[in-house]
Amino acid sequence: MKWRPKPWLVVLVVAAVASAVAAGVVAARRTPPVQRLIIAAGGQGGVYYAYGQGLATAARAAYPGVRTEVRATAASVENLRMVAAGEADVGFALADSAAQAIAGREPFERAQPVRALAWLYDNYTQLVVRADSPVHAVTDLRGLAVSTGAVGSGTDLFAGRVLLAAGLSPDQDVRRSSMDLAESAQALRDGRIAAFFFSGGLPTPAITQLAADIPMRLVDLAGFVPGLRTSYGDFYTERSIPATTYGLGHETATIGVPNFLVVREDMPEATAYALTRLLFTAKPTLVAAHPEALHLDQRAALDTFPLRLHPGAARYYREAKP
C-alpha cells in the first residue's frame, strides 16, 4: 500500500518551509551591503589619507559594526594594485595611473580589473623648493637632488613624465630620490634635496606645515600641459594654486589630474551602489575630514574617463538623476 502523508503533516511541512524562507529574506534584508571597508589611501599628511579617514567615519555611522581600516600607502599605483588584488575594497587613484592600470602598461605587469565609483576632485602637481632656491623652472633641476615621490605613487609616474617633457632624464640628469611626502618635506627642511614633486589636493596638509616651518615656494608647471596631453592623453589640464593656499602671496600655474575612487570590477553591485550613495549622503562628514570633498557633485562624478563606472555606481546615478 502506497504511503500518503497525512494532511496535517503536509500543512506543517509547508508552514516550516515558508517560515524558513521568510526568515532568510528577513536576514538578507538585515545584512548590510557594506560589512568591510579597507581603504587604500596614501601617505599620512596627504589628502587621500584625510579623505579616507572621513570615508571610514561615514561608513561606521551608516553601518554600525562595519570593519574599517585606512591603510597608508604610496598612493595611486599601489592603491590600484591593492584593489585589483582584493587587498583593499576601495582606493584613491589618479586618472593617468588608472589608464596605465587598465591597459596593463608600465608600471603594471598586466591589465588590472578595476572600475570607478566616482570622480572626486582634481589633483594639483606641486614642485616645491625653498624660497631662496635657484630653481625657477624644471630645467633648473639638472644635477640637483630631487624627490619624485614614493615608488608606487602617481606622483612618481607623473614626475617622470614632467622631467622628460623638460628634456631631462629622470635617472641621469637629476639625482633622483624616491621619498614619500613626509620624507620629502623633511629632506627639504634639512637641505638634503633641492626640490620635491607631489601630486595632491589642496591644501596638502604636509605642505601647509612645511610652509609654516620654512620659507618655500612652488614652481610653475602649466607650460607642459599641451605636450603631456599629446604624449599621454587628455587627462591633464591647466590649473592654478591660489595665493592663499599656502600663504605664499602669489598664485602658481600648474597641472591638474582627475582623482577617482576605484573598486574591483567584480564588487557586488549592492555594495558598489551603497558606497556610491554614501559619498553623497555623508558629504558633510567627508568635508569635515578635508575640504576637497566640497567638490563632490553627482554630475561631475560621472566623468571617470578612462575608467568605466561600476554597474552599482551607474545604477545609483540613474536613480539619483543628477
C-alpha atoms as a PDB file:
ATOM      1  CA  MET A   1       0.000   0.000   0.000  1.00  0.00           C
ATOM      2  CA  LYS A   2       1.418   3.340  -1.055  1.00  0.00           C
ATOM      3  CA  TRP A   3       2.115   5.691   1.837  1.00  0.00           C
ATOM      4  CA  ARG A   4       0.400   9.059   1.695  1.00  0.00           C
ATOM      5  CA  PRO A   5       1.274  11.897   4.052  1.00  0.00           C
ATOM      6  CA  LYS A   6      -1.409  12.985   6.449  1.00  0.00           C
ATOM      7  CA  PRO A   7      -2.976  16.368   5.595  1.00  0.00           C
ATOM      8  CA  TRP A   8      -1.863  17.827   8.909  1.00  0.00           C
ATOM      9  CA  LEU A   9       1.738  16.777   8.160  1.00  0.00           C
ATOM     10  CA  VAL A  10       1.647  18.493   4.771  1.00  0.00           C
ATOM     11  CA  VAL A  11       0.440  21.669   6.434  1.00  0.00           C
ATOM     12  CA  LEU A  12       3.271  21.544   8.989  1.00  0.00           C
ATOM     13  CA  VAL A  13       5.939  20.984   6.338  1.00  0.00           C
ATOM     14  CA  VAL A  14       4.650  23.808   4.133  1.00  0.00           C
ATOM     15  CA  ALA A  15       4.493  26.112   7.125  1.00  0.00           C
ATOM     16  CA  ALA A  16       8.035  25.229   8.145  1.00  0.00           C
ATOM     17  CA  VAL A  17       9.380  25.861   4.633  1.00  0.00           C
ATOM     18  CA  ALA A  18       7.536  29.161   4.396  1.00  0.00           C
ATOM     19  CA  SER A  19       8.883  30.197   7.788  1.00  0.00           C
ATOM     20  CA  ALA A  20      12.444  29.335   6.775  1.00  0.00           C
ATOM     21  CA  VAL A  21      12.133  31.266   3.529  1.00  0.00           C
ATOM     22  CA  ALA A  22      10.695  34.272   5.348  1.00  0.00           C
ATOM     23  CA  ALA A  23      13.484  34.140   7.926  1.00  0.00           C
ATOM     24  CA  GLY A  24      16.039  34.015   5.135  1.00  0.00           C
ATOM     25  CA  VAL A  25      14.514  37.041   3.450  1.00  0.00           C
ATOM     26  CA  VAL A  26      14.489  38.982   6.718  1.00  0.00           C
ATOM     27  CA  ALA A  27      18.100  38.002   7.421  1.00  0.00           C
ATOM     28  CA  ALA A  28      19.120  39.084   3.926  1.00  0.00           C
ATOM     29  CA  ARG A  29      17.422  42.399   4.467  1.00  0.00           C
ATOM     30  CA  ARG A  30      19.226  42.850   7.760  1.00  0.00           C
ATOM     31  CA  THR A  31      22.631  42.059   6.251  1.00  0.00           C
ATOM     32  CA  PRO A  32      24.214  45.435   5.445  1.00  0.00           C
ATOM     33  CA  PRO A  33      25.573  45.854   1.910  1.00  0.00           C
ATOM     34  CA  VAL A  34      28.856  47.128   3.372  1.00  0.00           C
ATOM     35  CA  GLN A  35      30.354  44.834   6.009  1.00  0.00           C
ATOM     36  CA  ARG A  36      34.064  45.589   5.496  1.00  0.00           C
ATOM     37  CA  LEU A  37      35.763  48.694   4.164  1.00  0.00           C
ATOM     38  CA  ILE A  38      39.527  48.584   3.734  1.00  0.00           C
ATOM     39  CA  ILE A  39      40.619  51.842   2.116  1.00  0.00           C
ATOM     40  CA  ALA A  40      43.881  52.134   0.177  1.00  0.00           C
ATOM     41  CA  ALA A  41      44.696  55.783   0.810  1.00  0.00           C
ATOM     42  CA  GLY A  42      48.093  57.470   0.539  1.00  0.00           C
ATOM     43  CA  GLY A  43      50.781  58.768   2.820  1.00  0.00           C
ATOM     44  CA  GLN A  44      49.886  60.420   6.099  1.00  0.00           C
ATOM     45  CA  GLY A  45      49.943  64.162   5.545  1.00  0.00           C
ATOM     46  CA  GLY A  46      48.276  63.859   2.136  1.00  0.00           C
ATOM     47  CA  VAL A  47      44.683  64.495   1.065  1.00  0.00           C
ATOM     48  CA  TYR A  48      43.989  60.832   0.220  1.00  0.00           C
ATOM     49  CA  TYR A  49      44.674  59.793   3.787  1.00  0.00           C
ATOM     50  CA  ALA A  50      42.475  62.509   5.299  1.00  0.00           C
ATOM     51  CA  TYR A  51      39.686  61.757   2.804  1.00  0.00           C
ATOM     52  CA  GLY A  52      39.972  58.056   3.596  1.00  0.00           C
ATOM     53  CA  GLN A  53      39.571  58.762   7.302  1.00  0.00           C
ATOM     54  CA  GLY A  54      36.404  60.694   6.539  1.00  0.00           C
ATOM     55  CA  LEU A  55      35.031  57.850   4.409  1.00  0.00           C
ATOM     56  CA  ALA A  56      35.747  55.333   7.166  1.00  0.00           C
ATOM     57  CA  THR A  57      33.957  57.545   9.720  1.00  0.00           C
ATOM     58  CA  ALA A  58      30.954  57.844   7.401  1.00  0.00           C
ATOM     59  CA  ALA A  59      30.817  54.065   6.874  1.00  0.00           C
ATOM     60  CA  ARG A  60      30.863  53.365  10.613  1.00  0.00           C
ATOM     61  CA  ALA A  61      27.991  55.797  11.151  1.00  0.00           C
ATOM     62  CA  ALA A  62      25.926  54.325   8.306  1.00  0.00           C
ATOM     63  CA  TYR A  63      26.690  50.657   9.010  1.00  0.00           C
ATOM     64  CA  PRO A  64      27.274  50.010  12.726  1.00  0.00           C
ATOM     65  CA  GLY A  65      29.612  47.071  13.164  1.00  0.00           C
ATOM     66  CA  VAL A  66      31.337  47.514   9.796  1.00  0.00           C
ATOM     67  CA  ARG A  67      35.081  46.815   9.929  1.00  0.00           C
ATOM     68  CA  THR A  68      37.015  49.769   8.569  1.00  0.00           C
ATOM     69  CA  GLU A  69      40.712  50.327   8.022  1.00  0.00           C
ATOM     70  CA  VAL A  70      42.540  53.190   6.325  1.00  0.00           C
ATOM     71  CA  ARG A  71      45.884  51.967   5.043  1.00  0.00           C
ATOM     72  CA  ALA A  72      48.771  54.354   4.449  1.00  0.00           C
ATOM     73  CA  THR A  73      50.222  53.575   1.003  1.00  0.00           C
ATOM     74  CA  ALA A  74      52.494  55.014  -1.659  1.00  0.00           C
ATOM     75  CA  ALA A  75      49.217  56.170  -3.306  1.00  0.00           C
ATOM     76  CA  SER A  76      47.766  55.716  -6.823  1.00  0.00           C
ATOM     77  CA  VAL A  77      49.799  52.880  -8.351  1.00  0.00           C
ATOM     78  CA  GLU A  78      49.930  50.860  -5.141  1.00  0.00           C
ATOM     79  CA  ASN A  79      46.246  51.580  -4.471  1.00  0.00           C
ATOM     80  CA  LEU A  80      45.232  50.252  -7.890  1.00  0.00           C
ATOM     81  CA  ARG A  81      47.266  47.094  -7.327  1.00  0.00           C
ATOM     82  CA  MET A  82      45.767  46.557  -3.867  1.00  0.00           C
ATOM     83  CA  VAL A  83      42.192  46.978  -5.093  1.00  0.00           C
ATOM     84  CA  ALA A  84      42.789  44.707  -8.089  1.00  0.00           C
ATOM     85  CA  ALA A  85      44.298  42.043  -5.809  1.00  0.00           C
ATOM     86  CA  GLY A  86      41.419  42.236  -3.310  1.00  0.00           C
ATOM     87  CA  GLU A  87      43.701  43.582  -0.586  1.00  0.00           C
ATOM     88  CA  ALA A  88      41.584  46.742  -0.333  1.00  0.00           C
ATOM     89  CA  ASP A  89      37.909  47.355  -1.026  1.00  0.00           C
ATOM     90  CA  VAL A  90      38.300  50.886  -2.357  1.00  0.00           C
ATOM     91  CA  GLY A  91      41.234  53.083  -3.277  1.00  0.00           C
ATOM     92  CA  PHE A  92      42.067  56.567  -4.459  1.00  0.00           C
ATOM     93  CA  ALA A  93      43.754  56.824  -7.852  1.00  0.00           C
ATOM     94  CA  LEU A  94      44.784  59.372 -10.458  1.00  0.00           C
ATOM     95  CA  ALA A  95      43.401  59.178 -13.990  1.00  0.00           C
ATOM     96  CA  ASP A  96      46.817  58.787 -15.641  1.00  0.00           C
ATOM     97  CA  SER A  97      47.767  55.931 -13.296  1.00  0.00           C
ATOM     98  CA  ALA A  98      44.356  54.324 -13.878  1.00  0.00           C
ATOM     99  CA  ALA A  99      44.880  54.479 -17.646  1.00  0.00           C
ATOM    100  CA  GLN A 100      48.132  52.555 -17.291  1.00  0.00           C
ATOM    101  CA  ALA A 101      46.430  50.060 -14.971  1.00  0.00           C
ATOM    102  CA  ILE A 102      43.556  49.042 -17.246  1.00  0.00           C
ATOM    103  CA  ALA A 103      45.878  48.849 -20.260  1.00  0.00           C
ATOM    104  CA  GLY A 104      48.455  46.778 -18.391  1.00  0.00           C
ATOM    105  CA  ARG A 105      51.216  49.217 -19.249  1.00  0.00           C
ATOM    106  CA  GLU A 106      54.251  50.085 -17.127  1.00  0.00           C
ATOM    107  CA  PRO A 107      54.433  50.175 -14.127  1.00  0.00           C
ATOM    108  CA  PHE A 108      51.747  47.446 -14.239  1.00  0.00           C
ATOM    109  CA  GLU A 109      52.622  43.966 -15.451  1.00  0.00           C
ATOM    110  CA  ARG A 110      49.081  43.154 -16.639  1.00  0.00           C
ATOM    111  CA  ALA A 111      45.668  44.775 -17.007  1.00  0.00           C
ATOM    112  CA  GLN A 112      44.057  45.483 -13.643  1.00  0.00           C
ATOM    113  CA  PRO A 113      40.331  44.630 -13.139  1.00  0.00           C
ATOM    114  CA  VAL A 114      39.183  47.963 -11.703  1.00  0.00           C
ATOM    115  CA  ARG A 115      36.186  50.248 -12.134  1.00  0.00           C
ATOM    116  CA  ALA A 116      35.317  53.679 -10.755  1.00  0.00           C
ATOM    117  CA  LEU A 117      32.637  54.754  -8.303  1.00  0.00           C
ATOM    118  CA  ALA A 118      33.106  58.494  -8.824  1.00  0.00           C
ATOM    119  CA  TRP A 119      35.284  61.391  -9.868  1.00  0.00           C
ATOM    120  CA  LEU A 120      36.168  63.109  -6.593  1.00  0.00           C
ATOM    121  CA  TYR A 121      38.358  66.150  -7.281  1.00  0.00           C
ATOM    122  CA  ASP A 122      41.428  67.195  -9.265  1.00  0.00           C
ATOM    123  CA  ASN A 123      44.970  66.761  -8.016  1.00  0.00           C
ATOM    124  CA  TYR A 124      47.424  69.629  -8.389  1.00  0.00           C
ATOM    125  CA  THR A 125      51.044  68.867  -9.224  1.00  0.00           C
ATOM    126  CA  GLN A 126      53.283  70.745  -6.824  1.00  0.00           C
ATOM    127  CA  LEU A 127      57.016  71.215  -7.376  1.00  0.00           C
ATOM    128  CA  VAL A 128      58.230  72.552  -4.025  1.00  0.00           C
ATOM    129  CA  VAL A 129      61.525  74.380  -3.425  1.00  0.00           C
ATOM    130  CA  ARG A 130      62.940  76.631  -0.733  1.00  0.00           C
ATOM    131  CA  ALA A 131      62.205  80.330  -1.251  1.00  0.00           C
ATOM    132  CA  ASP A 132      65.882  81.162  -1.899  1.00  0.00           C
ATOM    133  CA  SER A 133      66.371  78.271  -4.342  1.00  0.00           C
ATOM    134  CA  PRO A 134      67.889  78.954  -7.788  1.00  0.00           C
ATOM    135  CA  VAL A 135      65.243  76.638  -9.262  1.00  0.00           C
ATOM    136  CA  HIS A 136      62.646  78.675 -11.155  1.00  0.00           C
ATOM    137  CA  ALA A 137      61.879  76.148 -13.912  1.00  0.00           C
ATOM    138  CA  VAL A 138      62.013  72.364 -14.244  1.00  0.00           C
ATOM    139  CA  THR A 139      65.128  72.631 -16.403  1.00  0.00           C
ATOM    140  CA  ASP A 140      66.930  74.196 -13.416  1.00  0.00           C
ATOM    141  CA  LEU A 141      66.758  70.816 -11.656  1.00  0.00           C
ATOM    142  CA  ARG A 142      69.604  69.443 -13.772  1.00  0.00           C
ATOM    143  CA  GLY A 143      72.278  67.984 -11.488  1.00  0.00           C
ATOM    144  CA  LEU A 144      70.283  68.572  -8.310  1.00  0.00           C
ATOM    145  CA  ALA A 145      68.872  66.175  -5.702  1.00  0.00           C
ATOM    146  CA  VAL A 146      65.135  65.792  -6.318  1.00  0.00           C
ATOM    147  CA  SER A 147      62.456  63.597  -4.741  1.00  0.00           C
ATOM    148  CA  THR A 148      59.985  62.383  -7.343  1.00  0.00           C
ATOM    149  CA  GLY A 149      57.666  60.652  -4.899  1.00  0.00           C
ATOM    150  CA  ALA A 150      57.439  57.202  -3.376  1.00  0.00           C
ATOM    151  CA  VAL A 151      57.780  54.142  -5.568  1.00  0.00           C
ATOM    152  CA  GLY A 152      54.245  53.034  -6.371  1.00  0.00           C
ATOM    153  CA  SER A 153      52.803  56.547  -6.299  1.00  0.00           C
ATOM    154  CA  GLY A 154      51.065  58.517  -9.013  1.00  0.00           C
ATOM    155  CA  THR A 155      53.468  61.340  -8.203  1.00  0.00           C
ATOM    156  CA  ASP A 156      56.427  59.168  -9.200  1.00  0.00           C
ATOM    157  CA  LEU A 157      54.791  58.267 -12.526  1.00  0.00           C
ATOM    158  CA  PHE A 158      53.868  61.858 -13.317  1.00  0.00           C
ATOM    159  CA  ALA A 159      57.100  63.482 -12.121  1.00  0.00           C
ATOM    160  CA  GLY A 160      58.999  61.272 -14.550  1.00  0.00           C
ATOM    161  CA  ARG A 161      56.767  62.490 -17.371  1.00  0.00           C
ATOM    162  CA  VAL A 162      57.303  66.141 -16.454  1.00  0.00           C
ATOM    163  CA  LEU A 163      61.085  65.715 -16.322  1.00  0.00           C
ATOM    164  CA  LEU A 164      61.079  64.031 -19.732  1.00  0.00           C
ATOM    165  CA  ALA A 165      58.892  66.814 -21.130  1.00  0.00           C
ATOM    166  CA  ALA A 166      61.513  69.293 -19.882  1.00  0.00           C
ATOM    167  CA  GLY A 167      64.235  67.378 -21.706  1.00  0.00           C
ATOM    168  CA  LEU A 168      65.694  65.798 -18.563  1.00  0.00           C
ATOM    169  CA  SER A 169      66.326  62.114 -17.956  1.00  0.00           C
ATOM    170  CA  PRO A 170      64.769  61.251 -14.578  1.00  0.00           C
ATOM    171  CA  ASP A 171      67.581  58.818 -13.818  1.00  0.00           C
ATOM    172  CA  GLN A 172      70.580  60.583 -15.358  1.00  0.00           C
ATOM    173  CA  ASP A 173      70.078  64.350 -15.334  1.00  0.00           C
ATOM    174  CA  VAL A 174      68.859  64.677 -11.732  1.00  0.00           C
ATOM    175  CA  ARG A 175      69.915  62.948  -8.530  1.00  0.00           C
ATOM    176  CA  ARG A 176      66.609  61.218  -8.049  1.00  0.00           C
ATOM    177  CA  SER A 177      65.257  60.014  -4.701  1.00  0.00           C
ATOM    178  CA  SER A 178      62.031  58.103  -4.195  1.00  0.00           C
ATOM    179  CA  MET A 179      60.617  59.503  -0.953  1.00  0.00           C
ATOM    180  CA  ASP A 180      57.056  59.743   0.268  1.00  0.00           C
ATOM    181  CA  LEU A 181      55.569  63.126   1.067  1.00  0.00           C
ATOM    182  CA  ALA A 182      56.580  63.258   4.728  1.00  0.00           C
ATOM    183  CA  GLU A 183      60.147  62.202   3.918  1.00  0.00           C
ATOM    184  CA  SER A 184      60.356  64.689   1.051  1.00  0.00           C
ATOM    185  CA  ALA A 185      59.188  67.593   3.188  1.00  0.00           C
ATOM    186  CA  GLN A 186      61.695  66.737   5.918  1.00  0.00           C
ATOM    187  CA  ALA A 187      64.525  66.342   3.398  1.00  0.00           C
ATOM    188  CA  LEU A 188      63.791  69.822   2.001  1.00  0.00           C
ATOM    189  CA  ARG A 189      63.769  71.250   5.538  1.00  0.00           C
ATOM    190  CA  ASP A 190      67.147  69.652   6.188  1.00  0.00           C
ATOM    191  CA  GLY A 191      68.659  70.748   2.884  1.00  0.00           C
ATOM    192  CA  ARG A 192      69.228  67.167   1.701  1.00  0.00           C
ATOM    193  CA  ILE A 193      67.239  67.757  -1.505  1.00  0.00           C
ATOM    194  CA  ALA A 194      66.721  70.843  -3.641  1.00  0.00           C
ATOM    195  CA  ALA A 195      63.110  70.116  -4.611  1.00  0.00           C
ATOM    196  CA  PHE A 196      60.305  67.589  -4.475  1.00  0.00           C
ATOM    197  CA  PHE A 197      57.266  66.770  -6.582  1.00  0.00           C
ATOM    198  CA  PHE A 198      53.881  65.956  -5.097  1.00  0.00           C
ATOM    199  CA  SER A 199      50.527  65.456  -6.779  1.00  0.00           C
ATOM    200  CA  GLY A 200      47.669  66.063  -4.367  1.00  0.00           C
ATOM    201  CA  GLY A 201      44.573  68.009  -3.476  1.00  0.00           C
ATOM    202  CA  LEU A 202      44.600  71.468  -1.962  1.00  0.00           C
ATOM    203  CA  PRO A 203      45.707  72.205   0.592  1.00  0.00           C
ATOM    204  CA  THR A 204      48.088  69.301   1.152  1.00  0.00           C
ATOM    205  CA  PRO A 205      48.494  69.168   4.971  1.00  0.00           C
ATOM    206  CA  ALA A 206      52.201  68.277   4.937  1.00  0.00           C
ATOM    207  CA  ILE A 207      52.985  71.165   2.577  1.00  0.00           C
ATOM    208  CA  THR A 208      50.899  73.526   4.715  1.00  0.00           C
ATOM    209  CA  GLN A 209      53.085  72.553   7.665  1.00  0.00           C
ATOM    210  CA  LEU A 210      56.251  72.932   5.608  1.00  0.00           C
ATOM    211  CA  ALA A 211      55.231  76.463   4.597  1.00  0.00           C
ATOM    212  CA  ALA A 212      54.805  77.295   8.285  1.00  0.00           C
ATOM    213  CA  ASP A 213      58.262  75.907   9.081  1.00  0.00           C
ATOM    214  CA  ILE A 214      60.453  77.362   6.323  1.00  0.00           C
ATOM    215  CA  PRO A 215      60.191  79.949   3.535  1.00  0.00           C
ATOM    216  CA  MET A 216      59.183  77.972   0.424  1.00  0.00           C
ATOM    217  CA  ARG A 217      57.619  78.461  -2.978  1.00  0.00           C
ATOM    218  CA  LEU A 218      56.122  76.490  -5.866  1.00  0.00           C
ATOM    219  CA  VAL A 219      57.490  76.254  -9.421  1.00  0.00           C
ATOM    220  CA  ASP A 220      55.260  76.990 -12.434  1.00  0.00           C
ATOM    221  CA  LEU A 221      54.441  73.843 -14.453  1.00  0.00           C
ATOM    222  CA  ALA A 222      51.462  74.744 -16.655  1.00  0.00           C
ATOM    223  CA  GLY A 223      53.515  75.149 -19.824  1.00  0.00           C
ATOM    224  CA  PHE A 224      53.892  71.362 -20.034  1.00  0.00           C
ATOM    225  CA  VAL A 225      50.172  70.653 -20.401  1.00  0.00           C
ATOM    226  CA  PRO A 226      49.938  70.651 -24.245  1.00  0.00           C
ATOM    227  CA  GLY A 227      52.889  68.304 -24.647  1.00  0.00           C
ATOM    228  CA  LEU A 228      51.676  65.949 -21.929  1.00  0.00           C
ATOM    229  CA  ARG A 229      48.213  65.751 -23.473  1.00  0.00           C
ATOM    230  CA  THR A 230      49.740  64.935 -26.848  1.00  0.00           C
ATOM    231  CA  SER A 231      52.024  62.249 -25.430  1.00  0.00           C
ATOM    232  CA  TYR A 232      49.824  60.623 -22.804  1.00  0.00           C
ATOM    233  CA  GLY A 233      46.166  61.578 -23.179  1.00  0.00           C
ATOM    234  CA  ASP A 234      43.585  64.182 -22.286  1.00  0.00           C
ATOM    235  CA  PHE A 235      43.859  63.746 -18.512  1.00  0.00           C
ATOM    236  CA  TYR A 236      45.903  66.881 -17.967  1.00  0.00           C
ATOM    237  CA  THR A 237      44.538  70.408 -17.618  1.00  0.00           C
ATOM    238  CA  GLU A 238      45.925  73.796 -16.652  1.00  0.00           C
ATOM    239  CA  ARG A 239      45.162  74.707 -13.071  1.00  0.00           C
ATOM    240  CA  SER A 240      46.325  77.390 -10.659  1.00  0.00           C
ATOM    241  CA  ILE A 241      47.143  77.104  -6.981  1.00  0.00           C
ATOM    242  CA  PRO A 242      45.667  80.165  -5.247  1.00  0.00           C
ATOM    243  CA  ALA A 243      47.992  82.508  -3.350  1.00  0.00           C
ATOM    244  CA  THR A 244      46.033  81.837  -0.161  1.00  0.00           C
ATOM    245  CA  THR A 245      46.506  78.045  -0.251  1.00  0.00           C
ATOM    246  CA  TYR A 246      49.868  78.134   1.499  1.00  0.00           C
ATOM    247  CA  GLY A 247      50.112  81.856   2.218  1.00  0.00           C
ATOM    248  CA  LEU A 248      52.787  82.368  -0.455  1.00  0.00           C
ATOM    249  CA  GLY A 249      51.462  85.699  -1.711  1.00  0.00           C
ATOM    250  CA  HIS A 250      51.032  84.708  -5.363  1.00  0.00           C
ATOM    251  CA  GLU A 251      49.247  82.022  -7.347  1.00  0.00           C
ATOM    252  CA  THR A 252      51.147  79.336  -9.229  1.00  0.00           C
ATOM    253  CA  ALA A 253      50.130  77.861 -12.578  1.00  0.00           C
ATOM    254  CA  THR A 254      50.325  74.079 -12.608  1.00  0.00           C
ATOM    255  CA  ILE A 255      48.837  70.843 -13.937  1.00  0.00           C
ATOM    256  CA  GLY A 256      45.598  69.217 -12.816  1.00  0.00           C
ATOM    257  CA  VAL A 257      44.834  65.478 -12.940  1.00  0.00           C
ATOM    258  CA  PRO A 258      41.437  63.915 -12.028  1.00  0.00           C
ATOM    259  CA  ASN A 259      41.080  61.691  -8.959  1.00  0.00           C
ATOM    260  CA  PHE A 260      38.752  58.698  -8.732  1.00  0.00           C
ATOM    261  CA  LEU A 261      37.510  56.319  -6.079  1.00  0.00           C
ATOM    262  CA  VAL A 262      38.114  52.832  -7.520  1.00  0.00           C
ATOM    263  CA  VAL A 263      36.934  49.291  -6.749  1.00  0.00           C
ATOM    264  CA  ARG A 264      37.348  45.818  -8.242  1.00  0.00           C
ATOM    265  CA  GLU A 265      35.113  45.208 -11.229  1.00  0.00           C
ATOM    266  CA  ASP A 266      33.552  42.156  -9.516  1.00  0.00           C
ATOM    267  CA  MET A 267      32.496  44.020  -6.353  1.00  0.00           C
ATOM    268  CA  PRO A 268      28.838  43.094  -5.655  1.00  0.00           C
ATOM    269  CA  GLU A 269      26.518  45.607  -7.261  1.00  0.00           C
ATOM    270  CA  ALA A 270      24.702  46.275  -3.991  1.00  0.00           C
ATOM    271  CA  THR A 271      27.975  47.147  -2.268  1.00  0.00           C
ATOM    272  CA  ALA A 272      29.121  49.480  -5.030  1.00  0.00           C
ATOM    273  CA  TYR A 273      25.695  51.141  -5.016  1.00  0.00           C
ATOM    274  CA  ALA A 274      25.782  51.619  -1.235  1.00  0.00           C
ATOM    275  CA  LEU A 275      29.310  53.074  -1.261  1.00  0.00           C
ATOM    276  CA  THR A 276      28.468  55.494  -4.075  1.00  0.00           C
ATOM    277  CA  ARG A 277      25.346  56.617  -2.232  1.00  0.00           C
ATOM    278  CA  LEU A 278      27.384  57.020   0.960  1.00  0.00           C
ATOM    279  CA  LEU A 279      29.703  59.522  -0.751  1.00  0.00           C
ATOM    280  CA  PHE A 280      26.822  61.917  -1.248  1.00  0.00           C
ATOM    281  CA  THR A 281      24.680  61.270   1.826  1.00  0.00           C
ATOM    282  CA  ALA A 282      27.737  61.618   4.080  1.00  0.00           C
ATOM    283  CA  LYS A 283      29.265  64.581   2.262  1.00  0.00           C
ATOM    284  CA  PRO A 284      29.358  66.785   5.419  1.00  0.00           C
ATOM    285  CA  THR A 285      31.474  64.122   7.175  1.00  0.00           C
ATOM    286  CA  LEU A 286      33.864  63.986   4.228  1.00  0.00           C
ATOM    287  CA  VAL A 287      34.127  67.781   4.073  1.00  0.00           C
ATOM    288  CA  ALA A 288      34.965  67.833   7.776  1.00  0.00           C
ATOM    289  CA  ALA A 289      37.815  65.427   7.019  1.00  0.00           C
ATOM    290  CA  HIS A 290      39.132  67.526   4.129  1.00  0.00           C
ATOM    291  CA  PRO A 291      37.682  70.472   2.153  1.00  0.00           C
ATOM    292  CA  GLU A 292      38.402  68.756  -1.200  1.00  0.00           C
ATOM    293  CA  ALA A 293      35.170  66.842  -0.565  1.00  0.00           C
ATOM    294  CA  LEU A 294      33.321  70.094  -1.309  1.00  0.00           C
ATOM    295  CA  HIS A 295      33.907  69.243  -4.972  1.00  0.00           C
ATOM    296  CA  LEU A 296      31.720  66.126  -4.765  1.00  0.00           C
ATOM    297  CA  ASP A 297      28.959  66.606  -7.314  1.00  0.00           C
ATOM    298  CA  GLN A 298      26.662  63.986  -8.819  1.00  0.00           C
ATOM    299  CA  ARG A 299      27.024  65.311 -12.358  1.00  0.00           C
ATOM    300  CA  ALA A 300      30.804  65.689 -12.247  1.00  0.00           C
ATOM    301  CA  ALA A 301      31.188  62.307 -10.520  1.00  0.00           C
ATOM    302  CA  LEU A 302      30.023  60.542 -13.689  1.00  0.00           C
ATOM    303  CA  ASP A 303      33.116  61.636 -15.619  1.00  0.00           C
ATOM    304  CA  THR A 304      35.550  58.836 -14.831  1.00  0.00           C
ATOM    305  CA  PHE A 305      37.388  58.537 -18.164  1.00  0.00           C
ATOM    306  CA  PRO A 306      39.389  56.360 -18.795  1.00  0.00           C
ATOM    307  CA  LEU A 307      37.734  54.067 -16.219  1.00  0.00           C
ATOM    308  CA  ARG A 308      34.256  52.652 -16.681  1.00  0.00           C
ATOM    309  CA  LEU A 309      31.742  53.157 -13.906  1.00  0.00           C
ATOM    310  CA  HIS A 310      30.951  50.113 -11.810  1.00  0.00           C
ATOM    311  CA  PRO A 311      27.363  48.943 -12.576  1.00  0.00           C
ATOM    312  CA  GLY A 312      26.366  49.591  -8.967  1.00  0.00           C
ATOM    313  CA  ALA A 313      27.584  53.185  -9.203  1.00  0.00           C
ATOM    314  CA  ALA A 314      25.864  53.629 -12.568  1.00  0.00           C
ATOM    315  CA  ARG A 315      22.586  52.435 -11.017  1.00  0.00           C
ATOM    316  CA  TYR A 316      22.942  54.967  -8.215  1.00  0.00           C
ATOM    317  CA  TYR A 317      23.400  57.852 -10.670  1.00  0.00           C
ATOM    318  CA  ARG A 318      20.435  56.699 -12.776  1.00  0.00           C
ATOM    319  CA  GLU A 319      18.201  56.652  -9.720  1.00  0.00           C
ATOM    320  CA  ALA A 320      19.600  59.895  -8.300  1.00  0.00           C
ATOM    321  CA  LYS A 321      19.034  61.577 -11.681  1.00  0.00           C
ATOM    322  CA  PRO A 322      21.808  64.148 -11.398  1.00  0.00           C
END
